[in-house]
Amino acid sequence: MSVLITRIEPQKNKKNRYSLYSDKQFVLGISDESLLAFKVHTGIELSDETIKQIEEKEYLIAIKEQAMRYLARRPHGCEELRKKLSKKGYNANFINRIIHEFLEKNYLNDEEFTRLFIQDEIGIKKSGPLLIKHKLITKGINATIAQKLLYDLYSENLQFKNCQWLALKKVKTVLAIPKEKKRKQLASYLTRKGFNWDVVKTVVLDIIREEHDEEF
């Protein structure tokens, strides 16, 4: 069967979208992209198969537009974007097609996303490497990629500087408590921030003016 398109009207509240009619009966909504791709015009007869193809293309366009909105806000890794689109209820096979297209067009790049994420965590949040790696893995980034870029971008010297910065900020809130309790609270806080024990121990001992060889 086929449907004769007798009228094409722009949709009032949706830019670049049109409504197709057969006489007075609404057939379907269509984007300008599909309008051109399928060469839809007044007087054309659309078969059931063509309508199905148009609907599939429109579905892909909807997923793509949602994905672009996410990427416009901030960079995403592949798995993070896939999870967000899945939560919107989109079909997994169609999501995979969009992910594949975005990878080919370099809209998605896990290594570049990881690099930018690490730089923000180091420079803005002063997070430790263990916390950064944990965050990346929860976003679906491969642990090997995360570890490699952390090694490249986060030197031991910078780890000490960030750990010390956080400790100096935190110590102002625990000035009045006993030294032993203060030491434990600082150590616990810096550990939660993702710094390894050797860095935490050195920074805390220095901050509270203890001997570096004192048993911690």
Protein backbone atom coordinates (compact mmCIF):
# COMPACT_ATOMS: atom_id res chain seq x y z
CA MET A 1 0.00 0.00 0.00
CA SER A 2 1.01 3.62 -0.44
CA VAL A 3 -0.07 7.05 0.75
CA LEU A 4 -0.43 10.08 -1.51
CA ILE A 5 1.09 13.21 0.09
CA THR A 6 -1.19 16.13 -0.76
CA ARG A 7 0.14 18.76 1.67
CA ILE A 8 3.41 19.58 3.46
CA GLU A 9 3.31 22.18 6.25
CA PRO A 10 6.09 23.57 8.51
CA GLN A 11 5.51 22.71 12.14
CA LYS A 12 4.87 25.87 14.18
CA ASN A 13 6.81 25.02 17.33
CA LYS A 14 9.56 22.83 15.87
CA LYS A 15 12.19 24.38 13.64
CA ASN A 16 13.18 22.46 10.49
CA ARG A 17 10.34 19.97 10.86
CA TYR A 18 7.30 19.43 8.67
CA SER A 19 3.95 17.65 8.82
CA LEU A 20 2.87 15.45 5.94
CA TYR A 21 -0.81 15.09 5.08
CA SER A 22 -2.85 12.92 2.78
CA ASP A 23 -5.89 15.07 2.08
CA LYS A 24 -6.87 16.16 5.62
CA GLN A 25 -5.29 13.21 7.39
CA PHE A 26 -1.92 13.61 9.14
CA VAL A 27 0.60 11.01 7.97
CA LEU A 28 3.79 11.74 9.93
CA GLY A 29 6.23 14.41 11.07
CA ILE A 30 9.48 14.70 9.18
CA SER A 31 12.72 16.69 9.48
CA ASP A 32 14.13 18.75 6.63
CA GLU A 33 17.00 16.24 6.53
CA SER A 34 14.62 13.35 5.78
CA LEU A 35 12.56 15.54 3.48
CA LEU A 36 15.59 16.00 1.27
CA ALA A 37 17.00 12.49 1.70
CA PHE A 38 13.75 10.83 0.57
CA LYS A 39 12.87 13.59 -1.94
CA VAL A 40 9.46 14.07 -0.38
CA HIS A 41 7.18 16.55 -2.17
CA THR A 42 3.52 17.21 -2.72
CA GLY A 43 2.07 14.58 -5.03
CA ILE A 44 4.54 11.83 -4.10
CA GLU A 45 3.24 8.41 -3.10
CA LEU A 46 5.00 6.93 -0.09
CA SER A 47 4.95 3.16 0.28
CA ASP A 48 4.68 1.49 3.68
CA GLU A 49 8.33 0.48 3.34
CA THR A 50 9.43 4.06 2.61
CA ILE A 51 7.45 5.38 5.56
CA LYS A 52 9.12 2.77 7.75
CA GLN A 53 12.54 3.91 6.49
CA ILE A 54 11.65 7.55 7.16
CA GLU A 55 10.52 6.71 10.70
CA GLU A 56 13.77 4.85 11.32
CA LYS A 57 15.80 7.79 10.08
CA GLU A 58 13.78 10.17 12.25
CA TYR A 59 14.45 7.95 15.26
CA LEU A 60 18.18 8.08 14.57
CA ILE A 61 18.02 11.86 14.17
CA ALA A 62 16.28 12.15 17.56
CA ILE A 63 19.03 10.09 19.22
CA LYS A 64 21.72 12.09 17.46
CA GLU A 65 20.21 15.41 18.54
CA GLN A 66 19.99 14.24 22.16
CA ALA A 67 23.58 13.04 22.02
CA MET A 68 24.73 16.38 20.60
CA ARG A 69 22.95 18.21 23.41
CA TYR A 70 24.90 16.15 25.95
CA LEU A 71 28.19 16.80 24.15
CA ALA A 72 27.44 20.53 23.86
CA ARG A 73 27.36 20.77 27.65
CA ARG A 74 30.67 18.98 28.17
CA PRO A 75 32.81 16.16 26.69
CA HIS A 76 31.71 12.57 27.30
CA GLY A 77 33.30 9.17 26.99
CA CYS A 78 31.60 6.55 24.80
CA GLU A 79 30.17 4.49 27.65
CA GLU A 80 28.96 7.51 29.58
CA LEU A 81 27.10 8.81 26.52
CA ARG A 82 25.70 5.33 25.80
CA LYS A 83 24.36 5.04 29.36
CA LYS A 84 22.71 8.47 29.23
CA LEU A 85 21.00 7.68 25.93
CA SER A 86 19.87 4.31 27.27
CA LYS A 87 18.28 6.03 30.27
CA LYS A 88 16.26 8.10 27.80
CA GLY A 89 14.78 4.84 26.57
CA TYR A 90 16.40 4.68 23.15
CA ASN A 91 17.01 1.32 21.49
CA ALA A 92 20.50 -0.10 22.13
CA ASN A 93 21.16 -1.02 18.49
CA PHE A 94 20.33 2.47 17.30
CA ILE A 95 22.45 4.00 20.06
CA ASN A 96 25.39 1.88 18.91
CA ARG A 97 24.94 3.18 15.38
CA ILE A 98 25.13 6.77 16.61
CA ILE A 99 28.15 6.01 18.83
CA HIS A 100 29.92 4.42 15.84
CA GLU A 101 29.12 7.44 13.66
CA PHE A 102 30.37 9.86 16.31
CA LEU A 103 33.61 7.90 16.69
CA GLU A 104 34.18 8.01 12.94
CA LYS A 105 33.58 11.77 12.91
CA ASN A 106 35.76 12.20 16.04
CA TYR A 107 32.88 13.70 18.00
CA LEU A 108 33.80 11.06 20.57
CA ASN A 109 37.34 10.17 21.60
CA ASP A 110 37.87 8.34 24.88
CA GLU A 111 41.55 9.20 25.10
CA GLU A 112 40.96 12.92 24.54
CA PHE A 113 38.02 12.89 26.97
CA THR A 114 40.22 11.18 29.58
CA ARG A 115 42.97 13.73 29.08
CA LEU A 116 40.61 16.68 29.55
CA PHE A 117 38.93 15.05 32.55
CA ILE A 118 42.27 14.42 34.28
CA GLN A 119 43.45 17.97 33.61
CA ASP A 120 40.27 19.40 35.17
CA GLU A 121 40.50 17.11 38.19
CA ILE A 122 44.15 18.05 38.74
CA GLY A 123 43.85 21.76 38.08
CA ILE A 124 40.45 22.60 39.51
CA LYS A 125 39.54 19.97 42.11
CA LYS A 126 43.10 19.00 43.09
CA SER A 127 41.96 15.37 43.24
CA GLY A 128 44.44 12.57 43.84
CA PRO A 129 45.23 9.96 41.17
CA LEU A 130 43.34 7.12 42.88
CA LEU A 131 40.11 9.12 43.00
CA ILE A 132 40.52 10.31 39.41
CA LYS A 133 41.06 6.75 38.18
CA HIS A 134 37.99 5.57 40.09
CA LYS A 135 35.85 8.33 38.55
CA LEU A 136 37.08 7.49 35.06
CA ILE A 137 36.35 3.79 35.45
CA THR A 138 32.80 4.55 36.66
CA LYS A 139 32.39 6.58 33.45
CA GLY A 140 33.32 3.52 31.42
CA ILE A 141 36.90 4.51 30.57
CA ASN A 142 39.30 1.60 30.17
CA ALA A 143 41.56 1.28 33.23
CA THR A 144 44.69 0.98 31.07
CA ILE A 145 43.94 4.26 29.26
CA ALA A 146 43.21 5.98 32.58
CA GLN A 147 46.42 4.73 34.19
CA LYS A 148 48.60 5.63 31.22
CA LEU A 149 47.33 9.21 31.01
CA LEU A 150 47.49 9.68 34.77
CA TYR A 151 51.15 8.63 34.62
CA ASP A 152 51.79 11.09 31.77
CA LEU A 153 49.90 14.04 33.27
CA TYR A 154 50.21 13.71 37.04
CA SER A 155 53.81 13.87 38.25
CA GLU A 156 54.72 12.98 41.83
CA ASN A 157 55.73 16.57 42.46
CA LEU A 158 52.32 17.82 41.35
CA GLN A 159 50.61 15.21 43.50
CA PHE A 160 52.49 16.51 46.54
CA LYS A 161 51.60 20.10 45.68
CA ASN A 162 47.89 19.35 45.31
CA CYS A 163 47.81 17.21 48.43
CA GLN A 164 49.53 19.96 50.39
CA TRP A 165 47.13 22.58 49.03
CA LEU A 166 44.13 20.55 50.18
CA ALA A 167 45.74 19.84 53.55
CA LEU A 168 46.49 23.50 54.23
CA LYS A 169 42.91 24.37 53.39
CA LYS A 170 41.51 21.59 55.55
CA VAL A 171 43.77 22.21 58.55
CA LYS A 172 42.15 25.61 59.09
CA THR A 173 38.94 23.80 60.02
CA VAL A 174 40.59 21.53 62.61
CA LEU A 175 42.93 23.94 64.40
CA ALA A 176 41.28 23.60 67.80
CA ILE A 177 41.35 19.82 68.08
CA PRO A 178 44.16 17.75 69.66
CA LYS A 179 47.17 17.04 67.49
CA GLU A 180 46.62 13.27 67.26
CA LYS A 181 42.98 13.67 66.24
CA LYS A 182 43.95 16.40 63.80
CA ARG A 183 46.51 14.14 62.19
CA LYS A 184 44.00 11.32 61.76
CA GLN A 185 41.33 13.61 60.33
CA LEU A 186 43.75 15.15 57.82
CA ALA A 187 45.02 11.73 56.77
CA SER A 188 41.48 10.39 56.33
CA TYR A 189 40.43 13.46 54.34
CA LEU A 190 43.42 13.33 51.97
CA THR A 191 43.01 9.59 51.48
CA ARG A 192 39.39 10.13 50.46
CA LYS A 193 40.63 12.74 47.99
CA GLY A 194 42.53 9.98 46.24
CA PHE A 195 46.17 10.36 47.32
CA ASN A 196 48.27 7.33 48.14
CA TRP A 197 49.48 6.70 51.67
CA ASP A 198 53.09 7.74 51.12
CA VAL A 199 52.05 11.18 49.84
CA VAL A 200 49.44 11.62 52.58
CA LYS A 201 51.87 10.63 55.33
CA THR A 202 54.57 13.02 54.17
CA VAL A 203 52.21 15.95 53.70
CA VAL A 204 50.41 15.51 57.02
CA LEU A 205 53.63 15.14 59.01
CA ASP A 206 54.94 18.30 57.37
CA ILE A 207 51.71 20.26 57.91
CA ILE A 208 51.54 19.56 61.64
CA ARG A 209 55.27 20.10 62.09
CA GLU A 210 56.13 16.56 63.16
CA GLU A 211 59.39 14.79 62.42
CA HIS A 212 59.23 12.97 59.08
CA ASP A 213 60.58 9.80 60.61
CA GLU A 214 58.01 9.75 63.41
CA GLU A 215 55.87 6.64 63.39
CA PHE A 216 52.51 7.54 61.83
